[in-house]
C-alpha atoms as a PDB file:
ATOM      1  CA  UNK A   1     -12.623 -20.196  13.690  1.00  0.00           C
ATOM      2  CA  UNK A   2     -10.595 -17.063  13.035  1.00  0.00           C
ATOM      3  CA  UNK A   3     -10.697 -14.294  15.680  1.00  0.00           C
ATOM      4  CA  UNK A   4      -8.922 -10.929  15.423  1.00  0.00           C
ATOM      5  CA  UNK A   5      -9.179  -7.298  16.456  1.00  0.00           C
ATOM      6  CA  UNK A   6      -9.276  -5.037  13.376  1.00  0.00           C
ATOM      7  CA  UNK A   7      -6.736  -2.771  15.104  1.00  0.00           C
ATOM      8  CA  UNK A   8      -4.212  -5.634  15.010  1.00  0.00           C
ATOM      9  CA  UNK A   9      -4.612  -6.399  11.276  1.00  0.00           C
ATOM     10  CA  UNK A  10      -2.352  -5.130   8.494  1.00  0.00           C
ATOM     11  CA  UNK A  11      -3.707  -2.439   6.169  1.00  0.00           C
ATOM     12  CA  UNK A  12      -3.078  -1.844   2.486  1.00  0.00           C
ATOM     13  CA  UNK A  13      -3.542   1.348   0.453  1.00  0.00           C
ATOM     14  CA  UNK A  14      -5.907   1.796  -2.473  1.00  0.00           C
ATOM     15  CA  UNK A  15      -4.993   5.306  -3.560  1.00  0.00           C
ATOM     16  CA  UNK A  16      -5.970   7.472  -0.571  1.00  0.00           C
ATOM     17  CA  UNK A  17      -8.219   4.742   0.840  1.00  0.00           C
ATOM     18  CA  UNK A  18      -6.909   2.594   3.707  1.00  0.00           C
ATOM     19  CA  UNK A  19      -8.122  -1.029   3.545  1.00  0.00           C
ATOM     20  CA  UNK A  20      -7.922  -3.473   6.450  1.00  0.00           C
ATOM     21  CA  UNK A  21      -8.940  -6.953   5.211  1.00  0.00           C
ATOM     22  CA  UNK A  22     -10.090  -9.890   7.337  1.00  0.00           C
ATOM     23  CA  UNK A  23     -10.006 -13.063   5.246  1.00  0.00           C
ATOM     24  CA  UNK A  24     -12.101 -16.191   5.670  1.00  0.00           C
ATOM     25  CA  UNK A  25     -12.326 -19.291   3.496  1.00  0.00           C
ATOM     26  CA  UNK A  26     -14.825 -17.949   0.930  1.00  0.00           C
ATOM     27  CA  UNK A  27     -15.735 -14.561   2.379  1.00  0.00           C
ATOM     28  CA  UNK A  28     -13.790 -11.379   3.048  1.00  0.00           C
ATOM     29  CA  UNK A  29     -14.618  -8.409   5.277  1.00  0.00           C
ATOM     30  CA  UNK A  30     -12.706  -5.162   4.760  1.00  0.00           C
ATOM     31  CA  UNK A  31     -12.750  -2.173   7.076  1.00  0.00           C
ATOM     32  CA  UNK A  32     -12.005   0.881   4.952  1.00  0.00           C
ATOM     33  CA  UNK A  33     -11.271   4.521   5.723  1.00  0.00           C
ATOM     34  CA  UNK A  34     -12.205   6.751   2.790  1.00  0.00           C
ATOM     35  CA  UNK A  35     -10.937  10.346   3.257  1.00  0.00           C
ATOM     36  CA  UNK A  36     -13.168  13.245   2.239  1.00  0.00           C
ATOM     37  CA  UNK A  37     -12.773  14.065  -1.459  1.00  0.00           C
ATOM     38  CA  UNK A  38     -11.194  10.772  -2.411  1.00  0.00           C
ATOM     39  CA  UNK A  39     -12.541   8.867  -5.404  1.00  0.00           C
ATOM     40  CA  UNK A  40     -12.566   5.163  -6.146  1.00  0.00           C
ATOM     41  CA  UNK A  41     -12.961   5.359  -9.952  1.00  0.00           C
ATOM     42  CA  UNK A  42     -15.639   3.448 -11.839  1.00  0.00           C
ATOM     43  CA  UNK A  43     -14.719  -0.237 -11.685  1.00  0.00           C
ATOM     44  CA  UNK A  44     -16.235  -3.702 -11.526  1.00  0.00           C
ATOM     45  CA  UNK A  45     -15.126  -7.089 -10.271  1.00  0.00           C
ATOM     46  CA  UNK A  46     -16.337 -10.671 -10.153  1.00  0.00           C
ATOM     47  CA  UNK A  47     -17.083 -10.347  -6.442  1.00  0.00           C
ATOM     48  CA  UNK A  48     -20.495  -9.709  -4.959  1.00  0.00           C
ATOM     49  CA  UNK A  49     -20.056  -6.769  -2.580  1.00  0.00           C
ATOM     50  CA  UNK A  50     -21.945  -5.222   0.315  1.00  0.00           C
ATOM     51  CA  UNK A  51     -20.922  -1.885   1.814  1.00  0.00           C
ATOM     52  CA  UNK A  52     -22.098  -0.689   5.236  1.00  0.00           C
ATOM     53  CA  UNK A  53     -21.348   2.904   6.295  1.00  0.00           C
ATOM     54  CA  UNK A  54     -20.141   3.051   9.902  1.00  0.00           C
ATOM     55  CA  UNK A  55     -19.726   6.844   9.798  1.00  0.00           C
ATOM     56  CA  UNK A  56     -19.660   9.550   7.138  1.00  0.00           C
ATOM     57  CA  UNK A  57     -21.232   9.869   3.683  1.00  0.00           C
ATOM     58  CA  UNK A  58     -20.445   8.437   0.261  1.00  0.00           C
ATOM     59  CA  UNK A  59     -21.769   9.247  -3.190  1.00  0.00           C
ATOM     60  CA  UNK A  60     -22.195   6.006  -5.132  1.00  0.00           C
ATOM     61  CA  UNK A  61     -22.547   6.119  -8.917  1.00  0.00           C
ATOM     62  CA  UNK A  62     -23.923   2.922 -10.440  1.00  0.00           C
ATOM     63  CA  UNK A  63     -26.375   1.851 -13.144  1.00  0.00           C
ATOM     64  CA  UNK A  64     -26.960   5.460 -14.214  1.00  0.00           C
ATOM     65  CA  UNK A  65     -27.965   6.462 -10.664  1.00  0.00           C
ATOM     66  CA  UNK A  66     -26.356   8.520  -7.921  1.00  0.00           C
ATOM     67  CA  UNK A  67     -27.019   7.364  -4.373  1.00  0.00           C
ATOM     68  CA  UNK A  68     -25.882   9.141  -1.219  1.00  0.00           C
ATOM     69  CA  UNK A  69     -25.081   6.542   1.407  1.00  0.00           C
ATOM     70  CA  UNK A  70     -25.070   7.796   5.014  1.00  0.00           C
ATOM     71  CA  UNK A  71     -24.161   6.402   8.426  1.00  0.00           C
ATOM     72  CA  UNK A  72     -26.093   3.201   9.105  1.00  0.00           C
ATOM     73  CA  UNK A  73     -26.988   2.553   5.456  1.00  0.00           C
ATOM     74  CA  UNK A  74     -25.935  -0.401   3.326  1.00  0.00           C
ATOM     75  CA  UNK A  75     -25.765  -1.145  -0.404  1.00  0.00           C
ATOM     76  CA  UNK A  76     -25.065  -4.316  -2.360  1.00  0.00           C
ATOM     77  CA  UNK A  77     -23.552  -4.857  -5.802  1.00  0.00           C
ATOM     78  CA  UNK A  78     -23.914  -8.039  -7.787  1.00  0.00           C
ATOM     79  CA  UNK A  79     -20.906  -9.459  -9.597  1.00  0.00           C
ATOM     80  CA  UNK A  80     -19.541  -7.283 -12.434  1.00  0.00           C
ATOM     81  CA  UNK A  81     -21.781  -4.258 -11.709  1.00  0.00           C
ATOM     82  CA  UNK A  82     -19.775  -1.068 -12.432  1.00  0.00           C
ATOM     83  CA  UNK A  83     -19.657   1.413  -9.542  1.00  0.00           C
ATOM     84  CA  UNK A  84     -17.769   4.530  -8.468  1.00  0.00           C
ATOM     85  CA  UNK A  85     -17.368   5.886  -4.933  1.00  0.00           C
ATOM     86  CA  UNK A  86     -16.781   9.511  -3.882  1.00  0.00           C
ATOM     87  CA  UNK A  87     -16.274  10.410  -0.216  1.00  0.00           C
ATOM     88  CA  UNK A  88     -18.410  13.431   0.688  1.00  0.00           C
ATOM     89  CA  UNK A  89     -16.759  13.467   4.123  1.00  0.00           C
ATOM     90  CA  UNK A  90     -14.281  11.282   5.995  1.00  0.00           C
ATOM     91  CA  UNK A  91     -16.014   7.899   5.950  1.00  0.00           C
ATOM     92  CA  UNK A  92     -15.513   4.531   7.633  1.00  0.00           C
ATOM     93  CA  UNK A  93     -17.129   1.517   5.980  1.00  0.00           C
ATOM     94  CA  UNK A  94     -17.261  -2.237   6.192  1.00  0.00           C
ATOM     95  CA  UNK A  95     -17.144  -4.001   2.811  1.00  0.00           C
ATOM     96  CA  UNK A  96     -17.969  -7.678   2.452  1.00  0.00           C
ATOM     97  CA  UNK A  97     -16.853  -9.613  -0.642  1.00  0.00           C
ATOM     98  CA  UNK A  98     -17.616 -13.077  -1.959  1.00  0.00           C
ATOM     99  CA  UNK A  99     -15.460 -14.713  -3.188  1.00  0.00           C
ATOM    100  CA  UNK A 100     -12.466 -13.247  -1.382  1.00  0.00           C
ATOM    101  CA  UNK A 101     -10.469 -10.510  -3.148  1.00  0.00           C
ATOM    102  CA  UNK A 102      -7.323 -12.370  -4.139  1.00  0.00           C
ATOM    103  CA  UNK A 103      -5.788  -9.053  -5.259  1.00  0.00           C
ATOM    104  CA  UNK A 104      -6.078  -7.742  -1.679  1.00  0.00           C
ATOM    105  CA  UNK A 105      -4.650 -10.999  -0.289  1.00  0.00           C
ATOM    106  CA  UNK A 106      -1.669 -10.725  -2.670  1.00  0.00           C
ATOM    107  CA  UNK A 107      -1.024  -7.141  -1.515  1.00  0.00           C
ATOM    108  CA  UNK A 108      -1.103  -8.261   2.114  1.00  0.00           C
ATOM    109  CA  UNK A 109       1.351 -11.096   1.409  1.00  0.00           C
ATOM    110  CA  UNK A 110       3.754  -8.806  -0.467  1.00  0.00           C
ATOM    111  CA  UNK A 111       3.644  -6.333   2.433  1.00  0.00           C
ATOM    112  CA  UNK A 112       4.616  -8.949   5.039  1.00  0.00           C
END
């Protein structure tokens, strides 16, 4: 078992986005703050991803569609699906990744 308070975890930057990862054996949860106007450019990764909006609004561009994700809504991306994220207002989200994002883990290790 691994038990933590998100407020006690280390954060890493992704551009203007603040990421706070919580790492399990095969699964990773990331609390993210996405400031209004910030953009996570079109990208893809091997990880399956779910994003749950705690507060705020995001514009998601994927598969030729634009989806506005609001507080309480969730979206999932299969492995290698390109997606872009634009914060329409200050937004807090929870992202879940499988497998874990080794790139985030490496950033955490280099920070400590």
